[in-house]
N, C-alpha and C. Protein backbone atom coordinates (compact mmCIF):
# COMPACT_ATOMS: atom_id res chain seq x y z
N MET A 1 0.89 -1.19 -0.09
CA MET A 1 0.13 0.02 -0.01
C MET A 1 0.95 1.25 0.01
N ILE A 2 1.87 1.31 0.62
CA ILE A 2 2.87 2.57 0.72
C ILE A 2 3.48 2.58 -0.65
N GLY A 3 3.92 1.80 -1.13
CA GLY A 3 4.41 1.90 -2.58
C GLY A 3 3.50 2.63 -3.43
N GLU A 4 2.19 2.02 -3.44
CA GLU A 4 1.20 2.67 -4.32
C GLU A 4 0.77 4.03 -3.95
N LEU A 5 0.78 4.38 -2.70
CA LEU A 5 0.40 5.61 -2.25
C LEU A 5 1.72 6.63 -2.64
N SER A 6 2.87 6.09 -2.47
CA SER A 6 4.21 7.06 -2.83
C SER A 6 4.01 7.22 -4.41
N GLU A 7 3.65 6.35 -5.02
CA GLU A 7 3.71 6.41 -6.47
C GLU A 7 2.70 7.40 -7.02
N ASP A 8 1.36 7.24 -6.32
CA ASP A 8 0.30 8.30 -6.58
C ASP A 8 0.88 9.53 -6.18
N LEU A 9 1.47 9.76 -5.11
CA LEU A 9 1.99 11.12 -4.74
C LEU A 9 2.82 11.89 -5.65
N ILE A 10 3.89 10.91 -6.03
CA ILE A 10 4.99 11.23 -7.05
C ILE A 10 4.17 11.85 -8.39
N MET A 11 3.24 10.88 -8.77
CA MET A 11 2.44 11.34 -10.06
C MET A 11 1.51 12.66 -10.11
N THR A 12 0.88 12.56 -8.85
CA THR A 12 -0.11 13.85 -8.79
C THR A 12 0.42 15.20 -8.14
N GLY A 13 1.56 14.81 -7.49
CA GLY A 13 2.13 16.14 -6.81
C GLY A 13 1.29 16.36 -5.38
N ASP A 14 0.42 15.68 -5.13
CA ASP A 14 -0.47 15.72 -3.72
C ASP A 14 0.43 15.81 -2.64
N GLU A 15 -0.04 16.66 -1.59
CA GLU A 15 0.55 16.57 -0.26
C GLU A 15 -0.39 16.04 0.71
N ILE A 16 0.25 15.23 1.59
CA ILE A 16 -0.53 14.71 2.64
C ILE A 16 -0.01 15.01 4.06
N ASP A 17 -0.56 15.78 4.78
CA ASP A 17 0.07 16.04 6.19
C ASP A 17 0.03 15.05 7.10
N VAL A 18 -0.82 14.01 6.89
CA VAL A 18 -0.93 12.82 7.90
C VAL A 18 0.39 12.04 8.24
N GLU A 19 0.83 11.86 9.34
CA GLU A 19 1.97 11.36 9.63
C GLU A 19 1.81 9.82 9.63
N ASN A 20 0.90 9.27 10.23
CA ASN A 20 0.72 7.71 10.38
C ASN A 20 -0.61 7.22 9.89
N LEU A 21 -0.64 6.31 8.91
CA LEU A 21 -1.79 5.91 8.28
C LEU A 21 -1.90 4.33 8.69
N PHE A 22 -3.06 3.92 9.04
CA PHE A 22 -3.36 2.68 9.65
C PHE A 22 -4.11 1.90 8.52
N SER A 23 -3.63 0.56 8.52
CA SER A 23 -4.43 -0.29 7.42
C SER A 23 -5.67 -0.69 8.11
N ASP A 24 -6.73 -0.83 7.23
CA ASP A 24 -8.04 -1.21 7.71
C ASP A 24 -8.18 -2.59 8.33
N ASP A 25 -7.30 -3.37 8.02
CA ASP A 25 -7.24 -4.90 8.43
C ASP A 25 -6.58 -5.07 9.79
N GLY A 26 -6.26 -3.93 10.40
CA GLY A 26 -5.58 -4.28 11.64
C GLY A 26 -4.23 -4.43 11.51
N GLY A 27 -3.59 -4.28 10.40
CA GLY A 27 -2.20 -4.92 10.23
C GLY A 27 -1.28 -3.90 10.81
N GLU A 28 0.02 -3.74 9.95
CA GLU A 28 1.16 -2.87 10.46
C GLU A 28 0.80 -1.58 10.31
N GLU A 29 1.40 -0.72 11.12
CA GLU A 29 1.39 0.75 11.06
C GLU A 29 2.18 1.31 9.79
N GLU A 30 1.60 2.09 9.04
CA GLU A 30 2.24 2.59 7.93
C GLU A 30 2.59 4.13 8.04
N THR A 31 3.92 4.57 7.77
CA THR A 31 4.35 5.81 8.20
C THR A 31 4.26 6.63 6.81
N GLN A 32 3.66 7.72 6.77
CA GLN A 32 3.53 8.52 5.54
C GLN A 32 4.67 9.70 5.67
N VAL A 33 5.52 9.76 4.70
CA VAL A 33 6.55 10.81 4.53
C VAL A 33 5.91 12.03 3.91
N THR A 34 6.16 13.11 4.58
CA THR A 34 5.63 14.37 3.88
C THR A 34 6.64 15.11 2.89
N PRO A 35 6.09 15.51 1.86
CA PRO A 35 7.17 16.02 0.80
C PRO A 35 8.02 16.98 1.40
N PRO A 36 9.34 17.08 1.01
CA PRO A 36 10.09 18.10 1.50
C PRO A 36 9.70 19.59 1.15
N ALA A 37 10.02 20.42 2.15
CA ALA A 37 9.83 21.97 2.01
C ALA A 37 10.56 22.56 0.94
N PRO A 38 10.18 23.61 0.24
CA PRO A 38 10.95 24.15 -0.92
C PRO A 38 12.24 24.30 -0.44
N LYS A 39 13.26 23.94 -1.32
CA LYS A 39 14.43 24.27 -0.98
C LYS A 39 15.14 25.67 -0.92
N GLU A 40 16.12 25.70 0.01
CA GLU A 40 16.67 27.15 0.33
C GLU A 40 17.15 27.76 -0.92
N LYS A 41 18.00 27.08 -1.66
CA LYS A 41 18.58 27.55 -2.93
C LYS A 41 17.25 28.42 -3.76
N GLU A 42 16.27 27.55 -3.82
CA GLU A 42 15.20 28.18 -4.54
C GLU A 42 14.55 29.47 -4.05
N GLU A 43 14.38 29.20 -2.71
CA GLU A 43 13.79 30.39 -1.93
C GLU A 43 14.82 31.74 -2.04
N LYS A 44 15.83 31.64 -1.92
CA LYS A 44 16.91 32.76 -2.28
C LYS A 44 16.82 33.10 -3.63
N GLU A 45 16.60 32.20 -4.36
CA GLU A 45 16.54 32.67 -6.05
C GLU A 45 15.22 33.64 -6.17
N ILE A 46 14.14 33.07 -5.63
CA ILE A 46 12.70 33.83 -5.40
C ILE A 46 13.04 35.27 -4.75
N GLU A 47 13.82 35.31 -3.82
CA GLU A 47 14.06 36.63 -2.96
C GLU A 47 14.89 37.56 -3.96
N LYS A 48 15.83 36.89 -4.65
CA LYS A 48 16.62 37.85 -5.54
C LYS A 48 16.03 38.44 -6.68
N VAL A 49 14.80 37.61 -7.21
CA VAL A 49 14.03 38.08 -8.38
C VAL A 49 13.17 39.18 -7.76
N ILE A 50 12.46 39.05 -6.70
CA ILE A 50 11.76 39.86 -6.04
C ILE A 50 12.47 41.32 -5.85
N TYR A 51 13.65 41.13 -5.31
CA TYR A 51 14.68 42.25 -5.15
C TYR A 51 14.87 42.96 -6.35
N GLN A 52 15.16 42.32 -7.50
CA GLN A 52 15.54 42.90 -8.94
C GLN A 52 14.28 43.70 -9.33
N ILE A 53 13.04 43.11 -9.04
CA ILE A 53 11.68 43.59 -9.51
C ILE A 53 11.62 45.12 -8.90
N GLY A 54 11.74 45.10 -7.35
CA GLY A 54 11.57 46.12 -6.72
C GLY A 54 12.47 47.30 -6.93
N SER A 55 13.86 46.86 -7.24
CA SER A 55 14.76 47.87 -7.48
C SER A 55 14.52 48.39 -8.81
N THR A 56 14.15 47.67 -9.81
CA THR A 56 13.83 48.25 -11.17
C THR A 56 12.82 49.19 -10.98
N TYR A 57 11.73 48.70 -10.33
CA TYR A 57 10.38 49.64 -10.08
C TYR A 57 10.74 50.98 -9.36
N TYR A 58 11.44 50.71 -8.42
CA TYR A 58 11.91 51.89 -7.63
C TYR A 58 12.72 52.93 -8.53
N ALA A 59 13.55 52.48 -9.34
CA ALA A 59 14.42 53.22 -10.17
C ALA A 59 13.65 53.88 -11.12
N ASN A 60 12.59 53.36 -11.72
CA ASN A 60 11.76 53.89 -12.81
C ASN A 60 10.63 54.81 -12.23
N TYR A 61 9.91 54.43 -11.07
CA TYR A 61 8.98 55.15 -10.55
C TYR A 61 9.19 55.73 -9.24
N ARG A 62 10.28 56.23 -9.06
CA ARG A 62 10.55 56.64 -7.81
C ARG A 62 9.34 57.48 -7.12
N ASP A 63 9.16 58.49 -7.81
CA ASP A 63 8.15 59.56 -7.28
C ASP A 63 6.97 58.93 -7.07
N GLU A 64 6.30 57.97 -7.87
CA GLU A 64 5.08 57.03 -7.32
C GLU A 64 5.25 56.27 -6.26
N CYS A 65 6.40 55.79 -6.08
CA CYS A 65 6.79 54.92 -4.86
C CYS A 65 6.68 55.84 -3.63
N MET A 66 7.32 57.00 -3.65
CA MET A 66 7.26 58.01 -2.56
C MET A 66 5.90 58.32 -2.19
N GLU A 67 4.94 58.53 -3.21
CA GLU A 67 3.74 58.91 -2.89
C GLU A 67 2.82 57.81 -2.34
N LYS A 68 2.93 56.63 -3.00
CA LYS A 68 2.23 55.57 -2.54
C LYS A 68 2.70 54.92 -1.21
N MET A 69 3.99 54.82 -0.88
CA MET A 69 4.70 54.16 0.20
C MET A 69 5.40 55.33 0.92
N PRO A 70 4.96 56.34 1.62
CA PRO A 70 5.65 57.32 2.28
C PRO A 70 6.59 56.70 3.47
N GLU A 71 6.09 55.77 4.11
CA GLU A 71 6.83 55.19 5.22
C GLU A 71 8.14 54.50 4.65
N LEU A 72 7.98 53.71 3.66
CA LEU A 72 9.14 53.02 3.24
C LEU A 72 10.06 54.13 2.49
N ALA A 73 9.51 55.19 1.84
CA ALA A 73 10.49 56.32 1.47
C ALA A 73 10.98 57.03 2.26
N ALA A 74 10.57 57.27 3.46
CA ALA A 74 11.22 57.85 4.59
C ALA A 74 12.28 56.84 5.23
N GLN A 75 11.93 55.52 5.16
CA GLN A 75 13.02 54.88 5.65
C GLN A 75 14.27 54.89 4.64
N ILE A 76 13.94 54.87 3.27
CA ILE A 76 14.99 54.93 2.48
C ILE A 76 15.92 56.13 2.60
N LYS A 77 15.16 57.29 2.66
CA LYS A 77 15.84 58.58 2.90
C LYS A 77 16.58 58.64 4.18
N SER A 78 16.28 58.13 5.29
CA SER A 78 16.91 58.03 6.48
C SER A 78 18.17 57.09 6.26
N LEU A 79 18.04 55.96 5.59
CA LEU A 79 19.29 55.16 5.39
C LEU A 79 20.21 55.92 4.39
N GLN A 80 19.83 56.68 3.41
CA GLN A 80 20.60 57.36 2.56
C GLN A 80 21.48 58.46 3.23
N ASP A 81 20.92 59.20 4.15
CA ASP A 81 21.48 60.08 4.96
C ASP A 81 22.50 59.55 5.95
N GLU A 82 22.18 58.38 6.57
CA GLU A 82 23.03 57.59 7.43
C GLU A 82 24.09 57.19 6.68
N ILE A 83 23.99 56.77 5.38
CA ILE A 83 25.25 56.31 4.42
C ILE A 83 26.20 57.39 4.23
N ALA A 84 25.42 58.60 3.89
CA ALA A 84 26.24 59.66 3.46
C ALA A 84 27.11 60.34 4.72
N THR A 85 26.45 60.46 5.96
CA THR A 85 27.12 60.46 7.09
C THR A 85 28.25 59.72 7.37
N ASN A 86 28.02 58.30 7.32
CA ASN A 86 29.26 57.44 7.35
C ASN A 86 30.45 57.62 6.31
N LYS A 87 30.07 57.86 5.22
CA LYS A 87 30.96 58.24 4.22
C LYS A 87 31.83 59.40 4.56
N GLU A 88 31.19 60.37 5.01
CA GLU A 88 31.99 61.62 5.52
C GLU A 88 32.88 61.29 6.82
N MET A 89 32.49 60.47 7.48
CA MET A 89 33.11 60.05 8.77
C MET A 89 34.47 59.33 8.22
N ILE A 90 34.30 58.36 7.32
CA ILE A 90 35.43 57.50 6.78
C ILE A 90 36.41 58.42 6.08
N GLU A 91 35.99 59.41 5.21
CA GLU A 91 36.75 60.35 4.67
C GLU A 91 37.57 61.01 5.72
N LYS A 92 36.84 61.73 6.58
CA LYS A 92 37.71 62.38 7.66
C LYS A 92 38.57 61.55 8.63
N LEU A 93 38.16 60.31 8.78
CA LEU A 93 39.21 59.47 9.56
C LEU A 93 40.37 58.99 8.67
N SER A 94 40.21 58.91 7.44
CA SER A 94 41.20 58.25 6.69
C SER A 94 42.25 59.57 6.05
N THR A 95 41.78 60.63 6.43
CA THR A 95 42.93 61.98 6.44
C THR A 95 43.59 62.19 7.64
N GLU A 96 43.22 61.66 8.92
CA GLU A 96 44.11 61.85 10.01
C GLU A 96 45.30 61.06 9.83
N GLU A 97 46.31 61.73 10.51
CA GLU A 97 47.55 61.19 10.37
C GLU A 97 47.91 60.59 11.61
N ILE A 98 48.79 59.47 11.59
CA ILE A 98 49.25 58.68 12.94
C ILE A 98 50.72 58.94 13.00
N CYS A 99 51.05 58.91 14.24
CA CYS A 99 52.46 59.15 14.59
C CYS A 99 53.15 57.68 14.55
N PRO A 100 54.13 57.69 13.59
CA PRO A 100 54.89 56.45 13.30
C PRO A 100 55.59 55.88 14.77
N GLN A 101 55.86 56.77 15.75
CA GLN A 101 56.62 56.03 16.81
C GLN A 101 55.59 55.56 17.89
N CYS A 102 54.46 56.38 18.20
CA CYS A 102 53.40 55.79 19.37
C CYS A 102 52.30 55.39 18.77
N GLY A 103 51.67 55.69 17.59
CA GLY A 103 50.55 55.11 16.89
C GLY A 103 49.39 55.99 17.31
N LYS A 104 49.54 57.04 18.02
CA LYS A 104 48.52 58.09 18.42
C LYS A 104 48.14 58.91 17.15
N LYS A 105 46.78 59.42 17.18
CA LYS A 105 46.54 60.28 16.04
C LYS A 105 47.10 61.72 16.19
N VAL A 106 47.42 62.15 15.16
CA VAL A 106 48.10 63.51 15.19
C VAL A 106 47.13 64.34 14.17
N ASN A 107 47.00 65.62 14.97
CA ASN A 107 45.91 66.56 13.96
C ASN A 107 46.72 66.84 12.72
N PRO A 108 45.77 66.84 11.77
CA PRO A 108 46.09 67.26 10.34
C PRO A 108 46.93 68.65 10.42
N GLY A 109 48.17 68.42 9.54
CA GLY A 109 48.98 69.60 9.47
C GLY A 109 49.93 69.65 10.53
N SER A 110 49.93 68.79 11.62
CA SER A 110 50.75 69.02 12.76
C SER A 110 52.20 68.52 12.21
N LYS A 111 53.13 69.06 12.60
CA LYS A 111 54.69 68.56 12.29
C LYS A 111 55.07 67.69 13.37
N PHE A 112 54.47 67.72 14.57
CA PHE A 112 55.33 66.86 15.62
C PHE A 112 53.99 66.12 16.50
N CYS A 113 54.50 65.09 16.93
CA CYS A 113 53.37 64.41 17.88
C CYS A 113 53.43 64.94 19.22
N ILE A 114 52.26 65.34 19.77
CA ILE A 114 52.32 66.14 21.13
C ILE A 114 52.95 65.25 22.33
N LEU A 115 52.60 63.74 22.14
CA LEU A 115 52.80 62.87 23.32
C LEU A 115 54.32 62.57 23.34
N VAL A 116 54.99 62.47 22.28
CA VAL A 116 56.43 62.01 22.42
C VAL A 116 57.32 63.05 21.70
N CYS A 117 56.75 64.19 21.33
CA CYS A 117 57.50 65.29 20.62
C CYS A 117 58.39 64.85 19.83
N SER A 118 58.00 64.04 18.88
CA SER A 118 58.77 63.77 17.52
C SER A 118 58.16 64.15 16.36
N PRO A 119 59.05 64.15 15.17
CA PRO A 119 58.35 64.46 13.97
C PRO A 119 57.21 63.35 13.65
N SER A 120 56.05 63.86 13.27
CA SER A 120 54.86 63.02 13.20
C SER A 120 54.88 62.33 11.78
N ARG A 121 55.68 62.97 10.77
CA ARG A 121 55.66 62.16 9.53
C ARG A 121 56.83 61.52 9.19
N GLY A 122 57.61 61.05 10.21
CA GLY A 122 58.87 60.21 10.05
C GLY A 122 59.95 61.10 9.27
N GLN A 123 59.93 62.37 9.52
CA GLN A 123 60.96 63.51 8.67
C GLN A 123 62.23 63.27 9.57
């Protein structure tokens, strides 16, 4: 009976959520295997396609998106502002000079490290 049921499930694609099936004649207990959930790879592929659709739609209809979804538009604006602030901070930090002897930050344009009073640029 399990072989026939399994074959029927494969051919029809039906799902059965029953874990245990009992035969009518009081015989052995038969265990039904539930079909596996969608694969993670396929789910990620779906997410990727949905993301691409959303990105394309937003790029082509930005004003409409802002009008129809103001909460999401505000969230996008907030994140864009945060990214800009972080980029400015990175730029500022990357222009700071470091004392080659002690490793402490030296003010831009300084010729000497205040802590060890040595040339800050290894001069």
